[in-house]
Amino acid sequence: MRHGTGSKEELAASGAPEPPSMKGPRARRLPRSRMTRIRWVICALLFLATSINYVDRQVLGILAPTLEAEIGWSETDYGLIVTSFQAAYAIGLTGVGKVIDLVGTRIGYALAVFAWSLAAMGHGWARSVTGFALARFTLGLGEAGNFPAAVKTVTEWFPVRERALANGIFNSGSNVGAVIAPLLVPWLTVVYGWRWAFVVTGALGFIWLGLWWALYKEPRAHPWVNQSELDHISGDDKAQAACTVSWKSLLAFRETWLLALAKFITDPVWWFYLFWIPKFLHSQHELTLDRLGLPLVLIYLAADVGSIGGGWISSWLIKRGWPVFRARKTALLLCAVSAAPIVLVSNVTSLSGAVVLLSLATAAHQGWSTNLFTLMSDSVPRQATASLVGICGMTGAIGGMMASTGTGLILEWTGSYLPPFIMGGSAYLVAWVVLNFGMREQPTQFTQRAVADSAPAGPGD
């Protein structure tokens, strides 16, 4: 009698299962036992990438008073520099989602981080308004890939009931980045000069690239994911596994335009906070570069709480039996109401009062953003997630571009921050009304119609 496992043909004839060594790419999968938690490792990578994304994005805002004095730009010049970033961000989002859907998350995300890291370092060689505008434009093209890639990754790695929390965790990286930047950038500037502040922070992305390339694979190809976790990931949306949805189909639906309109209305508020809060604190409360760190840390730590808390609220409601759509809209309404008090901040004379109101506003925005991203991933098959996020992100960037130019002109002409903060306090309630009365069906119903009406995606779609 011959011992050993035998050939594949002999095993097939006998009906015996193939040994692990003959199972190809899934040969090293861990056996079914206690569920692994590799999806949370992937979520940590998304969190780190988003943190770095916002460190690179925030450096200019922190150094704006210093660069304004050294280079001599006006409020209008600064508004145009910020607008150049947002214009490129919008342009990038028109195609980056589709590219990521086509080439896959692993390659697409890596290319985006590589591009924006080089652009961030390039700020260190700028010497004029035009030079900074060009550097910001290039940065915007690269950074456009972060959120489409991250939301798509969450859709691939998490079941519906966990996506809001996962989105909230990775989205909180935007606030951690905004916390790290005011701690790191002033020190680098004082010790080495402002040019090295751009170079050092830009180089962080290359460290992340090494981690991403070493650790990321799709769930079914990942050797550290056991069958229990794989079943958990795919358990509640198996119907979407083989679906494709073209851009033409996405744009044909009212829901796509409503989600895009919500981003157009509310994203400019976050851009305003990100690029003008340091200038607001400097001009209204006389904070210099060495005193700016602590207030910004407090403001963006509160935003972290809002990001994770907003995702937790809707996930908690779903676990208690609420319909998914109702839970998302309820969480969005709570965030919209919490954002409204910011209209008072320009009349507050104490620094502590201003920090409290700004903290509440940034927390409300991040909770809103988490649930809006999750509503997008609820609405379409996972293969189209990055495309939908790209479409909606593009409209948000266009809104931000218009608002940044307008903010610069308003401050140049009036010197008052009241009009921008009034718009910031009311934007979320307006967007909530749009979503509440415009989207009347469950996201899963939108998905089913999108799949039914979609032809197989071809190269020209």
Protein backbone atom coordinates (compact mmCIF):
# COMPACT_ATOMS: atom_id res chain seq x y z
CA MET A 1 0.00 0.00 0.00
CA ARG A 2 1.38 3.40 -0.97
CA HIS A 3 1.59 6.00 1.72
CA GLY A 4 1.41 9.81 1.34
CA THR A 5 -1.17 12.14 0.04
CA GLY A 6 -1.19 10.95 -3.57
CA SER A 7 -1.72 13.02 -6.68
CA LYS A 8 -4.53 15.49 -7.20
CA GLU A 9 -6.14 13.06 -9.68
CA GLU A 10 -6.11 10.18 -7.18
CA LEU A 11 -7.58 12.37 -4.48
CA ALA A 12 -10.27 13.64 -6.78
CA ALA A 13 -11.19 10.06 -7.76
CA SER A 14 -11.42 8.97 -4.14
CA GLY A 15 -13.50 11.96 -3.10
CA ALA A 16 -11.02 12.89 -0.38
CA PRO A 17 -10.39 16.58 0.29
CA GLU A 18 -7.19 18.13 -0.98
CA PRO A 19 -4.55 18.76 1.66
CA PRO A 20 -3.76 22.42 2.44
CA SER A 21 -0.64 22.38 0.26
CA MET A 22 -2.77 21.85 -2.86
CA LYS A 23 -5.27 24.64 -2.38
CA GLY A 24 -3.41 27.41 -4.20
CA PRO A 25 -3.61 30.96 -2.91
CA ARG A 26 -5.74 30.02 0.10
CA ALA A 27 -3.37 27.26 1.21
CA ARG A 28 -2.15 29.13 4.26
CA ARG A 29 -5.57 30.25 5.51
CA LEU A 30 -5.93 29.75 9.24
CA PRO A 31 -8.41 26.99 10.17
CA ARG A 32 -11.93 27.82 11.30
CA SER A 33 -11.81 28.44 15.04
CA ARG A 34 -12.12 31.58 17.10
CA MET A 35 -12.65 34.46 14.66
CA THR A 36 -9.56 36.46 13.76
CA ARG A 37 -9.64 40.28 13.86
CA ILE A 38 -7.45 41.21 10.90
CA ARG A 39 -10.09 43.63 9.60
CA TRP A 40 -9.26 45.92 12.53
CA VAL A 41 -5.56 45.83 11.60
CA ILE A 42 -6.59 47.02 8.14
CA CYS A 43 -8.74 49.71 9.75
CA ALA A 44 -5.67 50.85 11.72
CA LEU A 45 -3.76 51.26 8.44
CA LEU A 46 -6.60 53.41 7.09
CA PHE A 47 -6.51 55.47 10.27
CA LEU A 48 -2.75 56.05 9.89
CA ALA A 49 -3.07 57.03 6.23
CA THR A 50 -5.84 59.51 6.99
CA SER A 51 -3.80 60.96 9.87
CA ILE A 52 -0.83 61.52 7.55
CA ASN A 53 -3.15 62.94 4.90
CA TYR A 54 -4.34 65.60 7.33
CA VAL A 55 -0.91 66.36 8.74
CA ASP A 56 0.20 67.20 5.20
CA ARG A 57 -2.98 69.16 4.55
CA GLN A 58 -2.82 71.13 7.81
CA VAL A 59 0.79 72.35 7.68
CA LEU A 60 -0.05 75.32 5.48
CA GLY A 61 -2.87 76.52 7.75
CA ILE A 62 -0.62 76.44 10.81
CA LEU A 63 2.19 78.29 9.05
CA ALA A 64 -0.13 80.78 7.33
CA PRO A 65 0.59 83.71 9.70
CA THR A 66 4.35 83.05 9.45
CA LEU A 67 4.30 82.72 5.66
CA GLU A 68 2.01 85.72 5.32
CA ALA A 69 4.62 87.86 7.08
CA GLU A 70 7.58 86.36 5.21
CA ILE A 71 6.16 86.15 1.70
CA GLY A 72 3.69 89.02 1.98
CA TRP A 73 0.47 87.48 0.70
CA SER A 74 -2.99 88.96 1.38
CA GLU A 75 -6.22 87.29 2.56
CA THR A 76 -7.26 87.03 -1.08
CA ASP A 77 -3.91 85.45 -2.03
CA TYR A 78 -4.30 82.92 0.76
CA GLY A 79 -7.85 82.14 -0.36
CA LEU A 80 -6.58 81.49 -3.90
CA ILE A 81 -3.80 79.20 -2.61
CA VAL A 82 -6.37 77.18 -0.67
CA THR A 83 -8.66 77.18 -3.70
CA SER A 84 -5.91 75.69 -5.89
CA PHE A 85 -5.77 72.67 -3.57
CA GLN A 86 -9.52 72.23 -3.70
CA ALA A 87 -9.67 72.62 -7.47
CA ALA A 88 -7.11 69.82 -7.87
CA TYR A 89 -8.93 67.76 -5.25
CA ALA A 90 -12.14 68.07 -7.26
CA ILE A 91 -10.36 67.21 -10.51
CA GLY A 92 -8.69 64.20 -8.88
CA LEU A 93 -11.97 62.91 -7.51
CA THR A 94 -13.58 62.89 -10.97
CA GLY A 95 -11.44 59.92 -11.90
CA VAL A 96 -9.64 58.53 -8.87
CA GLY A 97 -12.62 56.53 -7.61
CA LYS A 98 -13.02 54.78 -10.95
CA VAL A 99 -9.27 54.09 -11.11
CA ILE A 100 -9.31 52.54 -7.63
CA ASP A 101 -12.34 50.44 -8.53
CA LEU A 102 -10.46 49.19 -11.61
CA VAL A 103 -6.92 48.58 -10.30
CA GLY A 104 -7.91 47.57 -6.78
CA THR A 105 -7.42 49.11 -3.38
CA ARG A 106 -3.88 47.88 -2.74
CA ILE A 107 -2.32 49.49 -5.81
CA GLY A 108 -4.65 52.49 -6.00
CA TYR A 109 -4.14 53.56 -2.38
CA ALA A 110 -0.36 53.14 -2.66
CA LEU A 111 -0.19 55.35 -5.76
CA ALA A 112 -2.25 58.06 -4.06
CA VAL A 113 -0.06 58.17 -0.93
CA PHE A 114 3.13 58.19 -2.99
CA ALA A 115 1.88 61.13 -5.09
CA TRP A 116 0.68 63.30 -2.22
CA SER A 117 3.78 62.65 -0.09
CA LEU A 118 6.05 63.92 -2.87
CA ALA A 119 3.82 66.97 -3.32
CA ALA A 120 3.80 67.72 0.42
CA MET A 121 7.60 67.71 0.51
CA GLY A 122 7.61 69.97 -2.53
CA HIS A 123 6.12 72.85 -0.51
CA GLY A 124 9.54 73.28 1.07
CA TRP A 125 10.91 74.66 -2.20
CA ALA A 126 8.10 77.19 -2.85
CA ARG A 127 9.06 80.88 -2.69
CA SER A 128 5.99 82.77 -3.95
CA VAL A 129 2.21 82.73 -4.04
CA THR A 130 2.41 80.99 -7.43
CA GLY A 131 4.85 78.39 -6.08
CA PHE A 132 2.60 77.56 -3.13
CA ALA A 133 -0.46 77.41 -5.37
CA LEU A 134 1.32 74.91 -7.65
CA ALA A 135 2.42 72.79 -4.68
CA ARG A 136 -1.10 72.83 -3.25
CA PHE A 137 -2.57 71.87 -6.62
CA THR A 138 -0.28 68.84 -6.86
CA LEU A 139 -1.05 67.88 -3.25
CA GLY A 140 -4.77 68.04 -3.97
CA LEU A 141 -4.48 65.64 -6.91
CA GLY A 142 -2.76 63.03 -4.73
CA GLU A 143 -4.86 63.47 -1.60
CA ALA A 144 -8.04 62.97 -3.62
CA GLY A 145 -7.38 59.23 -3.45
CA ASN A 146 -7.51 58.84 0.31
CA PHE A 147 -11.21 58.74 1.12
CA PRO A 148 -12.42 56.79 -1.95
CA ALA A 149 -9.76 54.15 -1.24
CA ALA A 150 -10.43 54.05 2.51
CA VAL A 151 -14.22 53.82 2.21
CA LYS A 152 -13.87 51.10 -0.44
CA THR A 153 -11.51 49.18 1.86
CA VAL A 154 -14.05 49.35 4.69
CA THR A 155 -16.75 48.08 2.33
CA GLU A 156 -14.52 45.14 1.35
CA TRP A 157 -13.46 44.27 4.89
CA PHE A 158 -16.49 44.98 7.11
CA PRO A 159 -20.12 43.82 7.23
CA VAL A 160 -22.84 46.50 7.06
CA ARG A 161 -23.44 46.58 10.81
CA GLU A 162 -19.77 47.43 11.52
CA ARG A 163 -19.07 49.86 8.68
CA ALA A 164 -20.17 53.06 10.43
CA LEU A 165 -17.85 52.33 13.36
CA ALA A 166 -14.96 51.39 11.05
CA ASN A 167 -15.54 54.53 8.97
CA GLY A 168 -15.65 56.56 12.17
CA ILE A 169 -12.34 55.12 13.35
CA PHE A 170 -10.45 55.73 10.13
CA ASN A 171 -12.13 59.14 9.66
CA SER A 172 -10.95 60.13 13.15
CA GLY A 173 -7.46 60.02 11.69
CA SER A 174 -8.25 63.34 10.04
CA ASN A 175 -8.53 64.86 13.49
CA VAL A 176 -5.48 63.06 14.87
CA GLY A 177 -3.52 64.46 11.94
CA ALA A 178 -4.89 67.89 12.75
CA VAL A 179 -3.76 67.35 16.37
CA ILE A 180 -0.28 66.11 15.48
CA ALA A 181 0.38 68.96 13.05
CA PRO A 182 0.12 71.86 15.57
CA LEU A 183 2.37 69.97 17.97
CA LEU A 184 5.00 68.99 15.41
CA VAL A 185 5.02 71.86 12.91
CA PRO A 186 5.80 74.76 15.29
CA TRP A 187 8.70 72.81 16.81
CA LEU A 188 10.12 71.90 13.40
CA THR A 189 9.73 75.52 12.28
CA VAL A 190 11.45 76.99 15.31
CA VAL A 191 14.32 74.49 15.27
CA TYR A 192 14.87 73.87 11.54
CA GLY A 193 12.79 76.45 9.67
CA TRP A 194 9.43 76.27 7.92
CA ARG A 195 10.79 74.56 4.80
CA TRP A 196 11.87 71.50 6.80
CA ALA A 197 8.42 71.38 8.42
CA PHE A 198 7.00 70.55 4.98
CA VAL A 199 9.75 68.09 4.10
CA VAL A 200 9.63 66.07 7.33
CA THR A 201 5.84 65.80 7.47
CA GLY A 202 5.71 64.86 3.78
CA ALA A 203 8.17 62.02 4.34
CA LEU A 204 5.78 60.27 6.78
CA GLY A 205 3.78 58.88 3.88
CA PHE A 206 6.68 56.76 2.69
CA ILE A 207 6.83 54.97 6.05
CA TRP A 208 3.14 54.15 5.72
CA LEU A 209 3.68 52.82 2.20
CA GLY A 210 6.05 50.14 3.54
CA LEU A 211 3.46 49.00 6.10
CA TRP A 212 0.63 48.98 3.58
CA TRP A 213 2.50 46.95 0.99
CA ALA A 214 3.60 44.41 3.60
CA LEU A 215 0.26 43.98 5.38
CA TYR A 216 -2.58 44.59 2.93
CA LYS A 217 -4.31 41.94 0.84
CA GLU A 218 -7.97 41.39 0.03
CA PRO A 219 -9.81 39.32 2.67
CA ARG A 220 -10.00 36.10 0.63
CA ALA A 221 -6.30 36.28 -0.25
CA HIS A 222 -5.05 37.27 3.22
CA PRO A 223 -3.23 34.40 4.97
CA TRP A 224 -4.03 35.75 8.44
CA VAL A 225 -7.82 35.73 7.95
CA ASN A 226 -9.56 32.52 8.99
CA GLN A 227 -12.82 31.24 7.57
CA SER A 228 -14.84 32.51 10.54
CA GLU A 229 -13.77 36.10 9.92
CA LEU A 230 -14.31 35.72 6.18
CA ASP A 231 -17.87 34.49 6.78
CA HIS A 232 -18.43 37.39 9.18
CA ILE A 233 -17.21 39.94 6.60
CA SER A 234 -19.35 38.64 3.74
CA GLY A 235 -22.31 37.37 5.74
CA ASP A 236 -24.83 40.16 5.21
CA ASP A 237 -24.14 41.34 1.66
CA LYS A 238 -23.37 38.22 -0.36
CA ALA A 239 -25.82 39.38 -3.03
CA GLN A 240 -23.46 42.18 -3.95
CA ALA A 241 -20.40 40.01 -4.48
CA ALA A 242 -20.57 39.72 -8.26
CA CYS A 243 -22.28 43.04 -9.10
CA THR A 244 -20.87 45.89 -11.12
CA VAL A 245 -22.39 49.36 -11.38
CA SER A 246 -21.23 51.77 -14.06
CA TRP A 247 -20.77 55.50 -13.65
CA LYS A 248 -23.61 56.00 -16.12
CA SER A 249 -25.92 54.04 -13.83
CA LEU A 250 -24.77 55.89 -10.72
CA LEU A 251 -25.38 59.28 -12.31
CA ALA A 252 -28.83 58.20 -13.47
CA PHE A 253 -30.10 57.93 -9.90
CA ARG A 254 -31.50 60.79 -7.86
CA GLU A 255 -29.84 59.39 -4.73
CA THR A 256 -26.37 59.94 -6.18
CA TRP A 257 -27.15 63.59 -6.77
CA LEU A 258 -28.69 64.04 -3.32
CA LEU A 259 -25.62 62.58 -1.61
CA ALA A 260 -23.40 64.74 -3.81
CA LEU A 261 -25.47 67.83 -2.96
CA ALA A 262 -25.12 67.08 0.76
CA LYS A 263 -21.33 66.99 0.33
CA PHE A 264 -21.41 70.21 -1.72
CA ILE A 265 -23.26 71.98 1.10
CA THR A 266 -21.28 70.68 4.10
CA ASP A 267 -17.72 69.99 2.94
CA PRO A 268 -16.90 73.71 2.54
CA VAL A 269 -17.49 74.14 6.28
CA TRP A 270 -14.75 71.63 7.10
CA TRP A 271 -12.37 73.24 4.62
CA PHE A 272 -13.04 76.57 6.32
CA TYR A 273 -12.34 75.13 9.76
CA LEU A 274 -9.19 73.39 8.58
CA PHE A 275 -7.58 76.36 6.86
CA TRP A 276 -8.99 79.34 8.78
CA ILE A 277 -9.26 78.27 12.45
CA PRO A 278 -5.53 78.96 13.05
CA LYS A 279 -5.89 82.38 11.37
CA PHE A 280 -9.10 83.08 13.31
CA LEU A 281 -7.41 82.32 16.64
CA HIS A 282 -4.40 84.40 15.62
CA SER A 283 -6.40 87.45 14.53
CA GLN A 284 -9.27 87.36 17.04
CA HIS A 285 -7.48 86.01 20.12
CA GLU A 286 -3.88 87.03 19.37
CA LEU A 287 -2.43 83.51 19.51
CA THR A 288 1.10 83.31 18.16
CA LEU A 289 2.67 80.19 16.61
CA ASP A 290 4.13 78.97 19.92
CA ARG A 291 0.73 79.28 21.70
CA LEU A 292 -1.44 77.86 18.94
CA GLY A 293 -0.80 74.20 19.64
CA LEU A 294 -2.93 73.49 22.72
CA PRO A 295 -6.18 75.11 21.49
CA LEU A 296 -5.92 73.27 18.16
CA VAL A 297 -5.18 69.98 19.93
CA LEU A 298 -8.32 70.37 22.06
CA ILE A 299 -10.46 71.31 19.07
CA TYR A 300 -9.39 68.32 17.00
CA LEU A 301 -9.47 65.85 19.88
CA ALA A 302 -13.12 66.80 20.22
CA ALA A 303 -13.49 66.15 16.50
CA ASP A 304 -12.07 62.65 17.10
CA VAL A 305 -14.79 62.00 19.66
CA GLY A 306 -17.39 63.19 17.17
CA SER A 307 -16.06 60.97 14.40
CA ILE A 308 -16.08 57.76 16.42
CA GLY A 309 -19.17 58.72 18.44
CA GLY A 310 -21.19 59.56 15.34
CA GLY A 311 -20.39 56.17 13.84
CA TRP A 312 -21.13 54.42 17.12
CA ILE A 313 -24.57 56.04 17.42
CA SER A 314 -25.89 54.71 14.12
CA SER A 315 -24.30 51.29 14.66
CA TRP A 316 -25.87 51.12 18.14
CA LEU A 317 -29.29 52.01 16.76
CA ILE A 318 -28.99 49.32 14.07
CA LYS A 319 -28.05 46.70 16.67
CA ARG A 320 -31.19 47.69 18.61
CA GLY A 321 -33.30 46.85 15.57
CA TRP A 322 -33.64 50.21 13.83
CA PRO A 323 -33.77 50.15 10.01
CA VAL A 324 -30.37 51.08 8.60
CA PHE A 325 -31.58 54.19 6.76
CA ARG A 326 -33.50 55.54 9.76
CA ALA A 327 -30.49 55.03 12.03
CA ARG A 328 -28.15 56.87 9.65
CA LYS A 329 -30.55 59.82 9.22
CA THR A 330 -31.12 60.11 12.98
CA ALA A 331 -27.37 60.27 13.63
CA LEU A 332 -27.02 62.88 10.87
CA LEU A 333 -29.75 65.03 12.46
CA LEU A 334 -28.05 64.94 15.87
CA CYS A 335 -24.83 66.12 14.24
CA ALA A 336 -26.60 68.87 12.28
CA VAL A 337 -28.19 70.28 15.43
CA SER A 338 -24.86 70.13 17.30
CA ALA A 339 -23.16 72.17 14.58
CA ALA A 340 -25.53 75.15 14.83
CA PRO A 341 -24.10 76.98 17.91
CA ILE A 342 -20.92 77.88 15.99
CA VAL A 343 -22.76 80.97 14.68
CA LEU A 344 -22.00 82.59 18.05
CA VAL A 345 -18.23 82.11 18.05
CA SER A 346 -17.20 85.35 16.33
CA ASN A 347 -18.85 87.33 19.14
CA VAL A 348 -17.27 85.34 21.99
CA THR A 349 -14.47 87.31 23.64
CA SER A 350 -12.87 84.57 25.75
CA LEU A 351 -10.46 82.07 24.22
CA SER A 352 -11.92 79.20 26.25
CA GLY A 353 -15.45 79.94 25.02
CA ALA A 354 -14.26 80.05 21.41
CA VAL A 355 -12.43 76.74 21.80
CA VAL A 356 -15.56 75.08 23.26
CA LEU A 357 -17.75 76.22 20.36
CA LEU A 358 -15.14 75.30 17.75
CA SER A 359 -14.70 71.88 19.39
CA LEU A 360 -18.44 71.21 19.27
CA ALA A 361 -18.58 72.29 15.63
CA THR A 362 -15.67 70.11 14.48
CA ALA A 363 -17.03 67.12 16.44
CA ALA A 364 -20.43 67.61 14.78
CA HIS A 365 -18.87 67.77 11.33
CA GLN A 366 -16.88 64.59 11.79
CA GLY A 367 -19.90 62.70 13.12
CA TRP A 368 -21.83 63.95 10.10
CA SER A 369 -19.04 62.95 7.71
CA THR A 370 -18.77 59.44 9.16
CA ASN A 371 -22.46 58.74 8.68
CA LEU A 372 -22.58 60.32 5.24
CA PHE A 373 -19.67 58.15 4.05
CA THR A 374 -21.37 55.09 5.51
CA LEU A 375 -24.65 55.98 3.81
CA MET A 376 -22.72 55.98 0.53
CA SER A 377 -21.23 52.55 1.19
CA ASP A 378 -24.70 51.27 2.17
CA SER A 379 -26.12 52.49 -1.11
CA VAL A 380 -24.12 50.69 -3.81
CA PRO A 381 -22.27 47.39 -4.31
CA ARG A 382 -18.72 47.38 -3.01
CA GLN A 383 -17.29 47.47 -6.54
CA ALA A 384 -18.82 50.92 -7.04
CA THR A 385 -18.11 52.40 -3.59
CA ALA A 386 -14.97 54.31 -4.54
CA SER A 387 -16.70 55.69 -7.64
CA LEU A 388 -19.65 57.01 -5.62
CA VAL A 389 -17.37 58.48 -2.96
CA GLY A 390 -15.31 60.09 -5.72
CA ILE A 391 -18.37 61.67 -7.34
CA CYS A 392 -19.64 63.03 -4.03
CA GLY A 393 -16.18 64.12 -2.90
CA MET A 394 -15.75 66.02 -6.17
CA THR A 395 -18.88 68.08 -5.51
CA GLY A 396 -17.70 68.71 -1.95
CA ALA A 397 -14.36 69.95 -3.24
CA ILE A 398 -16.06 72.22 -5.77
CA GLY A 399 -18.15 73.68 -2.96
CA GLY A 400 -15.03 74.11 -0.85
CA MET A 401 -13.20 75.81 -3.73
CA MET A 402 -16.01 78.34 -4.12
CA ALA A 403 -16.27 78.89 -0.38
CA SER A 404 -12.52 79.40 0.09
CA THR A 405 -12.34 82.07 -2.60
CA GLY A 406 -15.44 83.71 -1.14
CA THR A 407 -14.08 83.56 2.41
CA GLY A 408 -10.86 85.27 1.38
CA LEU A 409 -12.82 88.06 -0.32
CA ILE A 410 -15.23 88.47 2.63
CA LEU A 411 -12.37 88.75 5.12
CA GLU A 412 -10.48 91.12 2.83
CA TRP A 413 -13.50 93.42 2.45
CA THR A 414 -15.13 93.20 5.90
CA GLY A 415 -12.55 91.79 8.31
CA SER A 416 -15.43 89.89 9.98
CA TYR A 417 -15.67 86.13 10.54
CA LEU A 418 -19.42 86.30 11.27
CA PRO A 419 -20.68 85.50 7.71
CA PRO A 420 -18.57 82.33 7.28
CA PHE A 421 -19.59 81.03 10.70
CA ILE A 422 -23.28 81.70 10.01
CA MET A 423 -22.98 79.61 6.86
CA GLY A 424 -21.12 76.93 8.81
CA GLY A 425 -23.80 76.69 11.48
CA SER A 426 -26.71 76.38 9.06
CA ALA A 427 -25.22 74.18 6.31
CA TYR A 428 -25.81 70.81 8.02
CA LEU A 429 -29.49 71.44 8.73
CA VAL A 430 -30.03 72.43 5.09
CA ALA A 431 -28.23 69.28 3.90
CA TRP A 432 -30.21 67.10 6.32
CA VAL A 433 -33.49 68.43 4.93
CA VAL A 434 -32.24 67.60 1.43
CA LEU A 435 -31.40 64.01 2.43
CA ASN A 436 -34.43 63.43 4.63
CA PHE A 437 -37.03 64.49 2.11
CA GLY A 438 -35.13 63.48 -1.02
CA MET A 439 -34.00 59.95 -0.10
CA ARG A 440 -37.12 58.12 0.99
CA GLU A 441 -36.08 54.52 0.45
CA GLN A 442 -33.70 52.18 2.17
CA PRO A 443 -30.12 52.20 0.79
CA THR A 444 -30.47 48.50 -0.05
CA GLN A 445 -33.37 49.33 -2.37
CA PHE A 446 -31.20 51.88 -4.16
CA THR A 447 -28.53 49.17 -4.49
CA GLN A 448 -30.99 46.69 -5.97
CA ARG A 449 -32.20 49.21 -8.55
CA ALA A 450 -28.62 50.21 -9.42
CA VAL A 451 -27.65 46.58 -10.00
CA ALA A 452 -30.78 45.82 -11.98
CA ASP A 453 -30.27 48.82 -14.26
CA SER A 454 -26.51 48.39 -14.72
CA ALA A 455 -24.90 46.78 -17.71
CA PRO A 456 -21.57 45.01 -17.13
CA ALA A 457 -18.91 47.69 -16.79
CA GLY A 458 -16.62 47.91 -19.80
CA PRO A 459 -13.41 49.82 -20.37
CA GLY A 460 -15.29 52.85 -21.62
CA ASP A 461 -17.69 53.14 -18.66
